[in-house]
Amino acid sequence: MDTPHLKIIFEDNHLIAVLKPARIPVASDASRDTTLLTMIRDWNLTRQIEGRKGYCVPIHFLDRPVSGVIIFALSSKAATRLNEQFRNRSLKKRYFALLEGTPKIASARLEHYLAKEKSDNRVRIVGKAHPEGKLCVLTYNVLASENGLSWVEVFPETGRSHQIRVQLASLGTPIYGDVKYGASEGWEGRIALHAATLEIQHPVLKEPLPLRAPLDAAWLNLWNAPVPAEP
């Protein structure tokens, strides 16, 4: 597969934040396609003294069909401090999603216990007593509905695998393109879920660092209506 141009949102000696395109895996998977991690490591190598590889690790992950902002630490100190922010949930994440249909409730907080089935790599809602169930929490707001789709902002409080996809599908409104969780049609290997903003504390400077990933033309063409104004 072709390797897209690396779109850098922020970078310094401690971390790099980039726009992950849909269909590009963050790290190695069964496809053996070029990964975002490989692209970042190649970029980081050009900044090093000859003979050194440089430190580079992903701090979090996005599903392959999802686009949006993602962070890589460029030092062990930055990695430790950024990982702590994710564990403590002291950061803010905001996603956009286009849903098939419209949720009956325009704004709500969802809480479910989710577990992944290894046999088919699907995440399912389970009971609280399930031995592998993990509590997942998010808040969503419907911003607009047009042409059978709803533009929704999502604020996940937890970061479980496939969480947003499963919880929104549980409302009877799967994410557009996400046939794995009930969408009526695919979208060329991607789904309409985008990690739009991530607000962290810089791991060394200790200052707020807001990161924003713009939507691409394909998303806007799919919506085909005025984009909701951001609050």
C-alpha atoms as a PDB file:
ATOM      1  CA  MET A   1       0.000   0.000   0.000  1.00  0.00           C
ATOM      2  CA  ASP A   2       1.119   3.570  -0.591  1.00  0.00           C
ATOM      3  CA  THR A   3       2.616   5.428   2.366  1.00  0.00           C
ATOM      4  CA  PRO A   4       0.897   8.781   2.927  1.00  0.00           C
ATOM      5  CA  HIS A   5       2.744  11.961   3.768  1.00  0.00           C
ATOM      6  CA  LEU A   6       3.293  12.341   7.517  1.00  0.00           C
ATOM      7  CA  LYS A   7       1.065  15.149   8.814  1.00  0.00           C
ATOM      8  CA  ILE A   8       2.672  16.593  11.951  1.00  0.00           C
ATOM      9  CA  ILE A   9       0.437  18.491  14.387  1.00  0.00           C
ATOM     10  CA  PHE A  10       3.108  19.215  17.027  1.00  0.00           C
ATOM     11  CA  GLU A  11       6.691  18.146  17.634  1.00  0.00           C
ATOM     12  CA  ASP A  12       9.619  18.919  19.902  1.00  0.00           C
ATOM     13  CA  ASN A  13      12.387  16.887  21.545  1.00  0.00           C
ATOM     14  CA  HIS A  14       9.922  15.141  23.877  1.00  0.00           C
ATOM     15  CA  LEU A  15       6.946  14.095  21.768  1.00  0.00           C
ATOM     16  CA  ILE A  16       5.354  14.210  18.355  1.00  0.00           C
ATOM     17  CA  ALA A  17       1.619  14.401  17.633  1.00  0.00           C
ATOM     18  CA  VAL A  18       0.465  13.472  14.141  1.00  0.00           C
ATOM     19  CA  LEU A  19      -2.720  13.043  12.147  1.00  0.00           C
ATOM     20  CA  LYS A  20      -3.254   9.323  11.668  1.00  0.00           C
ATOM     21  CA  PRO A  21      -4.980   8.613   8.357  1.00  0.00           C
ATOM     22  CA  ALA A  22      -7.745   6.015   8.252  1.00  0.00           C
ATOM     23  CA  ARG A  23      -6.642   2.566   7.018  1.00  0.00           C
ATOM     24  CA  ILE A  24      -3.085   2.953   8.377  1.00  0.00           C
ATOM     25  CA  PRO A  25      -2.297   0.716  11.386  1.00  0.00           C
ATOM     26  CA  VAL A  26      -0.516   2.316  14.332  1.00  0.00           C
ATOM     27  CA  ALA A  27       1.686  -0.750  14.841  1.00  0.00           C
ATOM     28  CA  SER A  28       2.252  -4.089  13.123  1.00  0.00           C
ATOM     29  CA  ASP A  29      -0.729  -6.290  12.345  1.00  0.00           C
ATOM     30  CA  ALA A  30      -1.394  -9.376  10.219  1.00  0.00           C
ATOM     31  CA  SER A  31      -1.437  -7.319   7.006  1.00  0.00           C
ATOM     32  CA  ARG A  32       2.262  -6.367   7.301  1.00  0.00           C
ATOM     33  CA  ASP A  33       1.340  -2.989   5.809  1.00  0.00           C
ATOM     34  CA  THR A  34       3.483   0.054   6.564  1.00  0.00           C
ATOM     35  CA  THR A  35       2.633   1.315  10.056  1.00  0.00           C
ATOM     36  CA  LEU A  36       2.441   4.772  11.525  1.00  0.00           C
ATOM     37  CA  LEU A  37       5.091   3.726  14.049  1.00  0.00           C
ATOM     38  CA  THR A  38       7.500   2.883  11.209  1.00  0.00           C
ATOM     39  CA  MET A  39       6.843   6.249   9.580  1.00  0.00           C
ATOM     40  CA  ILE A  40       7.509   8.097  12.860  1.00  0.00           C
ATOM     41  CA  ARG A  41      10.678   6.105  13.546  1.00  0.00           C
ATOM     42  CA  ASP A  42      11.981   6.861  10.047  1.00  0.00           C
ATOM     43  CA  TRP A  43      11.246  10.557  10.627  1.00  0.00           C
ATOM     44  CA  ASN A  44      12.906  10.474  14.048  1.00  0.00           C
ATOM     45  CA  LEU A  45      15.996   8.761  12.651  1.00  0.00           C
ATOM     46  CA  THR A  46      16.732  11.779  10.465  1.00  0.00           C
ATOM     47  CA  ARG A  47      17.025  13.917  13.616  1.00  0.00           C
ATOM     48  CA  GLN A  48      19.567  11.720  15.400  1.00  0.00           C
ATOM     49  CA  ILE A  49      23.323  11.782  15.632  1.00  0.00           C
ATOM     50  CA  GLU A  50      24.697   9.250  13.151  1.00  0.00           C
ATOM     51  CA  GLY A  51      24.612   5.748  14.560  1.00  0.00           C
ATOM     52  CA  ARG A  52      21.730   6.346  16.967  1.00  0.00           C
ATOM     53  CA  LYS A  53      18.141   5.260  16.374  1.00  0.00           C
ATOM     54  CA  GLY A  54      16.400   7.523  18.856  1.00  0.00           C
ATOM     55  CA  TYR A  55      13.609   6.730  21.311  1.00  0.00           C
ATOM     56  CA  CYS A  56      10.078   6.464  19.871  1.00  0.00           C
ATOM     57  CA  VAL A  57       7.001   4.712  21.318  1.00  0.00           C
ATOM     58  CA  PRO A  58       3.247   5.182  20.813  1.00  0.00           C
ATOM     59  CA  ILE A  59       1.406   6.388  23.911  1.00  0.00           C
ATOM     60  CA  HIS A  60      -2.063   5.305  22.782  1.00  0.00           C
ATOM     61  CA  PHE A  61      -3.710   3.635  19.802  1.00  0.00           C
ATOM     62  CA  LEU A  62      -6.516   4.192  17.315  1.00  0.00           C
ATOM     63  CA  ASP A  63      -8.250   1.389  15.440  1.00  0.00           C
ATOM     64  CA  ARG A  64      -7.010   0.933  11.898  1.00  0.00           C
ATOM     65  CA  PRO A  65     -10.190   2.335  10.215  1.00  0.00           C
ATOM     66  CA  VAL A  66     -10.221   5.399  12.513  1.00  0.00           C
ATOM     67  CA  SER A  67      -8.476   8.715  11.810  1.00  0.00           C
ATOM     68  CA  GLY A  68      -7.285  11.455  14.128  1.00  0.00           C
ATOM     69  CA  VAL A  69      -4.641  12.762  16.494  1.00  0.00           C
ATOM     70  CA  ILE A  70      -2.176  10.346  18.065  1.00  0.00           C
ATOM     71  CA  ILE A  71       0.934  10.890  20.221  1.00  0.00           C
ATOM     72  CA  PHE A  72       4.378   9.251  20.220  1.00  0.00           C
ATOM     73  CA  ALA A  73       6.883   9.875  23.014  1.00  0.00           C
ATOM     74  CA  LEU A  74      10.459  10.680  21.988  1.00  0.00           C
ATOM     75  CA  SER A  75      12.041  10.106  25.398  1.00  0.00           C
ATOM     76  CA  SER A  76      11.500   7.653  28.234  1.00  0.00           C
ATOM     77  CA  LYS A  77      10.722  10.529  30.622  1.00  0.00           C
ATOM     78  CA  ALA A  78       8.007  11.834  28.300  1.00  0.00           C
ATOM     79  CA  ALA A  79       6.599   8.322  27.844  1.00  0.00           C
ATOM     80  CA  THR A  80       6.311   7.763  31.604  1.00  0.00           C
ATOM     81  CA  ARG A  81       4.575  11.086  32.209  1.00  0.00           C
ATOM     82  CA  LEU A  82       2.235  10.815  29.233  1.00  0.00           C
ATOM     83  CA  ASN A  83       1.257   7.259  30.140  1.00  0.00           C
ATOM     84  CA  GLU A  84       0.437   8.493  33.625  1.00  0.00           C
ATOM     85  CA  GLN A  85      -1.950  11.091  32.184  1.00  0.00           C
ATOM     86  CA  PHE A  86      -3.777   8.385  30.233  1.00  0.00           C
ATOM     87  CA  ARG A  87      -3.960   6.115  33.285  1.00  0.00           C
ATOM     88  CA  ASN A  88      -5.232   8.930  35.515  1.00  0.00           C
ATOM     89  CA  ARG A  89      -7.609  10.237  32.807  1.00  0.00           C
ATOM     90  CA  SER A  90      -6.282  13.737  33.428  1.00  0.00           C
ATOM     91  CA  LEU A  91      -6.532  14.614  29.742  1.00  0.00           C
ATOM     92  CA  LYS A  92      -9.474  15.454  27.489  1.00  0.00           C
ATOM     93  CA  LYS A  93     -10.432  13.535  24.345  1.00  0.00           C
ATOM     94  CA  ARG A  94     -13.043  14.621  21.811  1.00  0.00           C
ATOM     95  CA  TYR A  95     -14.139  12.561  18.827  1.00  0.00           C
ATOM     96  CA  PHE A  96     -16.483  13.191  15.931  1.00  0.00           C
ATOM     97  CA  ALA A  97     -18.675  10.411  14.552  1.00  0.00           C
ATOM     98  CA  LEU A  98     -21.234  10.169  11.778  1.00  0.00           C
ATOM     99  CA  LEU A  99     -23.970   7.746  12.759  1.00  0.00           C
ATOM    100  CA  GLU A 100     -26.563   5.935  10.696  1.00  0.00           C
ATOM    101  CA  GLY A 101     -29.847   7.370  11.950  1.00  0.00           C
ATOM    102  CA  THR A 102     -30.340   9.559  15.010  1.00  0.00           C
ATOM    103  CA  PRO A 103     -30.139   8.534  18.688  1.00  0.00           C
ATOM    104  CA  LYS A 104     -33.475   8.836  20.493  1.00  0.00           C
ATOM    105  CA  ILE A 105     -31.791  10.905  23.213  1.00  0.00           C
ATOM    106  CA  ALA A 106     -29.803  13.885  21.918  1.00  0.00           C
ATOM    107  CA  SER A 107     -27.256  13.907  24.764  1.00  0.00           C
ATOM    108  CA  ALA A 108     -26.439  11.139  27.199  1.00  0.00           C
ATOM    109  CA  ARG A 109     -23.782   9.447  29.294  1.00  0.00           C
ATOM    110  CA  LEU A 110     -23.327   5.771  28.493  1.00  0.00           C
ATOM    111  CA  GLU A 111     -21.929   3.161  30.848  1.00  0.00           C
ATOM    112  CA  HIS A 112     -21.394  -0.435  29.765  1.00  0.00           C
ATOM    113  CA  TYR A 113     -19.207  -3.374  30.648  1.00  0.00           C
ATOM    114  CA  LEU A 114     -17.409  -4.599  27.526  1.00  0.00           C
ATOM    115  CA  ALA A 115     -15.388  -7.719  26.767  1.00  0.00           C
ATOM    116  CA  LYS A 116     -13.511  -8.790  23.627  1.00  0.00           C
ATOM    117  CA  GLU A 117     -14.135 -12.196  22.104  1.00  0.00           C
ATOM    118  CA  LYS A 118     -10.853 -13.576  20.799  1.00  0.00           C
ATOM    119  CA  SER A 119     -12.612 -15.910  18.350  1.00  0.00           C
ATOM    120  CA  ASP A 120     -13.875 -13.087  16.118  1.00  0.00           C
ATOM    121  CA  ASN A 121     -12.091 -10.002  17.550  1.00  0.00           C
ATOM    122  CA  ARG A 122     -15.423  -8.384  18.354  1.00  0.00           C
ATOM    123  CA  VAL A 123     -16.209  -6.456  21.522  1.00  0.00           C
ATOM    124  CA  ARG A 124     -19.577  -7.132  23.166  1.00  0.00           C
ATOM    125  CA  ILE A 125     -21.597  -5.671  26.014  1.00  0.00           C
ATOM    126  CA  VAL A 126     -21.553  -8.039  28.986  1.00  0.00           C
ATOM    127  CA  GLY A 127     -22.825  -8.097  32.544  1.00  0.00           C
ATOM    128  CA  LYS A 128     -20.945  -6.525  35.419  1.00  0.00           C
ATOM    129  CA  ALA A 129     -20.039  -9.952  36.765  1.00  0.00           C
ATOM    130  CA  HIS A 130     -18.391 -11.101  33.521  1.00  0.00           C
ATOM    131  CA  PRO A 131     -14.783 -12.105  34.350  1.00  0.00           C
ATOM    132  CA  GLU A 132     -13.360 -10.105  31.436  1.00  0.00           C
ATOM    133  CA  GLY A 133     -15.842  -7.226  31.483  1.00  0.00           C
ATOM    134  CA  LYS A 134     -14.367  -3.731  31.759  1.00  0.00           C
ATOM    135  CA  LEU A 135     -16.342  -0.607  32.602  1.00  0.00           C
ATOM    136  CA  CYS A 136     -16.550   1.805  29.670  1.00  0.00           C
ATOM    137  CA  VAL A 137     -17.946   5.327  29.935  1.00  0.00           C
ATOM    138  CA  LEU A 138     -18.556   8.073  27.402  1.00  0.00           C
ATOM    139  CA  THR A 139     -20.741  11.125  26.856  1.00  0.00           C
ATOM    140  CA  TYR A 140     -22.156  12.066  23.457  1.00  0.00           C
ATOM    141  CA  ASN A 141     -24.022  15.040  22.002  1.00  0.00           C
ATOM    142  CA  VAL A 142     -25.883  15.070  18.682  1.00  0.00           C
ATOM    143  CA  LEU A 143     -24.818  18.256  16.867  1.00  0.00           C
ATOM    144  CA  ALA A 144     -26.859  17.865  13.666  1.00  0.00           C
ATOM    145  CA  SER A 145     -28.857  15.342  11.629  1.00  0.00           C
ATOM    146  CA  GLU A 146     -29.047  15.420   7.827  1.00  0.00           C
ATOM    147  CA  ASN A 147     -29.661  12.935   5.011  1.00  0.00           C
ATOM    148  CA  GLY A 148     -30.060   9.941   7.318  1.00  0.00           C
ATOM    149  CA  LEU A 149     -26.840  10.669   9.222  1.00  0.00           C
ATOM    150  CA  SER A 150     -26.134  12.321  12.571  1.00  0.00           C
ATOM    151  CA  TRP A 151     -23.014  14.322  13.398  1.00  0.00           C
ATOM    152  CA  VAL A 152     -22.089  13.504  16.971  1.00  0.00           C
ATOM    153  CA  GLU A 153     -19.330  14.620  19.317  1.00  0.00           C
ATOM    154  CA  VAL A 154     -18.085  12.024  21.765  1.00  0.00           C
ATOM    155  CA  PHE A 155     -16.140  12.470  24.991  1.00  0.00           C
ATOM    156  CA  PRO A 156     -14.793   9.091  26.156  1.00  0.00           C
ATOM    157  CA  GLU A 157     -13.851   8.865  29.818  1.00  0.00           C
ATOM    158  CA  THR A 158     -12.226   5.467  29.337  1.00  0.00           C
ATOM    159  CA  GLY A 159     -10.122   4.188  26.447  1.00  0.00           C
ATOM    160  CA  ARG A 160     -11.111   0.577  25.809  1.00  0.00           C
ATOM    161  CA  SER A 161     -10.710  -1.194  22.490  1.00  0.00           C
ATOM    162  CA  HIS A 162     -13.687  -0.531  20.136  1.00  0.00           C
ATOM    163  CA  GLN A 163     -15.475   1.238  22.997  1.00  0.00           C
ATOM    164  CA  ILE A 164     -16.994   4.139  21.060  1.00  0.00           C
ATOM    165  CA  ARG A 165     -17.989   1.872  18.180  1.00  0.00           C
ATOM    166  CA  VAL A 166     -19.816  -0.608  20.407  1.00  0.00           C
ATOM    167  CA  GLN A 167     -21.472   1.894  22.716  1.00  0.00           C
ATOM    168  CA  LEU A 168     -22.886   4.041  19.901  1.00  0.00           C
ATOM    169  CA  ALA A 169     -24.042   0.942  18.030  1.00  0.00           C
ATOM    170  CA  SER A 170     -25.912  -0.129  21.193  1.00  0.00           C
ATOM    171  CA  LEU A 171     -28.244   2.842  20.602  1.00  0.00           C
ATOM    172  CA  GLY A 172     -29.277   1.393  17.242  1.00  0.00           C
ATOM    173  CA  THR A 173     -27.110   3.999  15.492  1.00  0.00           C
ATOM    174  CA  PRO A 174     -23.852   2.399  14.329  1.00  0.00           C
ATOM    175  CA  ILE A 175     -21.014   4.517  12.992  1.00  0.00           C
ATOM    176  CA  TYR A 176     -21.195   4.924   9.232  1.00  0.00           C
ATOM    177  CA  GLY A 177     -19.008   2.363   7.479  1.00  0.00           C
ATOM    178  CA  ASP A 178     -18.610   0.181  10.582  1.00  0.00           C
ATOM    179  CA  VAL A 179     -20.179  -3.025   9.228  1.00  0.00           C
ATOM    180  CA  LYS A 180     -18.468  -4.962  12.017  1.00  0.00           C
ATOM    181  CA  TYR A 181     -20.879  -3.355  14.466  1.00  0.00           C
ATOM    182  CA  GLY A 182     -24.030  -3.105  12.401  1.00  0.00           C
ATOM    183  CA  ALA A 183     -23.576  -0.415   9.736  1.00  0.00           C
ATOM    184  CA  SER A 184     -25.549  -1.109   6.556  1.00  0.00           C
ATOM    185  CA  GLU A 185     -22.631  -0.402   4.204  1.00  0.00           C
ATOM    186  CA  GLY A 186     -18.859  -0.073   4.239  1.00  0.00           C
ATOM    187  CA  TRP A 187     -16.756   3.005   3.508  1.00  0.00           C
ATOM    188  CA  GLU A 188     -13.676   1.886   1.609  1.00  0.00           C
ATOM    189  CA  GLY A 189     -11.947   0.349   4.603  1.00  0.00           C
ATOM    190  CA  ARG A 190     -12.559   3.228   6.983  1.00  0.00           C
ATOM    191  CA  ILE A 191     -15.302   4.270   9.405  1.00  0.00           C
ATOM    192  CA  ALA A 192     -16.677   7.717  10.192  1.00  0.00           C
ATOM    193  CA  LEU A 193     -14.957   8.081  13.563  1.00  0.00           C
ATOM    194  CA  HIS A 194     -12.297  10.761  14.034  1.00  0.00           C
ATOM    195  CA  ALA A 195     -10.167  11.657  17.070  1.00  0.00           C
ATOM    196  CA  ALA A 196     -10.595  15.402  16.636  1.00  0.00           C
ATOM    197  CA  THR A 197      -8.898  16.923  19.688  1.00  0.00           C
ATOM    198  CA  LEU A 198      -6.680  15.791  22.522  1.00  0.00           C
ATOM    199  CA  GLU A 199      -5.734  18.104  25.369  1.00  0.00           C
ATOM    200  CA  ILE A 200      -2.758  17.010  27.456  1.00  0.00           C
ATOM    201  CA  GLN A 201      -0.210  18.551  29.776  1.00  0.00           C
ATOM    202  CA  HIS A 202       3.198  18.798  28.149  1.00  0.00           C
ATOM    203  CA  PRO A 203       5.267  16.118  29.919  1.00  0.00           C
ATOM    204  CA  VAL A 204       8.257  18.406  30.545  1.00  0.00           C
ATOM    205  CA  LEU A 205       7.038  21.989  30.334  1.00  0.00           C
ATOM    206  CA  LYS A 206       3.956  21.167  32.438  1.00  0.00           C
ATOM    207  CA  GLU A 207       1.842  23.491  30.277  1.00  0.00           C
ATOM    208  CA  PRO A 208      -1.512  22.707  28.611  1.00  0.00           C
ATOM    209  CA  LEU A 209      -1.016  21.361  25.109  1.00  0.00           C
ATOM    210  CA  PRO A 210      -4.184  21.289  22.956  1.00  0.00           C
ATOM    211  CA  LEU A 211      -3.862  19.154  19.819  1.00  0.00           C
ATOM    212  CA  ARG A 212      -6.331  19.305  16.938  1.00  0.00           C
ATOM    213  CA  ALA A 213      -6.590  17.023  13.886  1.00  0.00           C
ATOM    214  CA  PRO A 214      -8.565  18.393  10.915  1.00  0.00           C
ATOM    215  CA  LEU A 215     -11.093  16.273   9.047  1.00  0.00           C
ATOM    216  CA  ASP A 216     -10.328  15.254   5.486  1.00  0.00           C
ATOM    217  CA  ALA A 217     -12.325  15.935   2.330  1.00  0.00           C
ATOM    218  CA  ALA A 218     -13.796  12.419   2.173  1.00  0.00           C
ATOM    219  CA  TRP A 219     -15.523  12.932   5.537  1.00  0.00           C
ATOM    220  CA  LEU A 220     -16.976  16.287   4.470  1.00  0.00           C
ATOM    221  CA  ASN A 221     -18.139  14.870   1.134  1.00  0.00           C
ATOM    222  CA  LEU A 222     -19.893  12.051   2.974  1.00  0.00           C
ATOM    223  CA  TRP A 223     -21.727  14.477   5.258  1.00  0.00           C
ATOM    224  CA  ASN A 224     -22.764  16.702   2.322  1.00  0.00           C
ATOM    225  CA  ALA A 225     -24.358  19.321   4.574  1.00  0.00           C
ATOM    226  CA  PRO A 226     -23.197  22.385   6.520  1.00  0.00           C
ATOM    227  CA  VAL A 227     -20.671  21.382   9.157  1.00  0.00           C
ATOM    228  CA  PRO A 228     -21.998  21.992  12.688  1.00  0.00           C
ATOM    229  CA  ALA A 229     -20.373  24.944  14.416  1.00  0.00           C
ATOM    230  CA  GLU A 230     -17.984  23.883  17.147  1.00  0.00           C
ATOM    231  CA  PRO A 231     -18.958  25.027  20.648  1.00  0.00           C
END
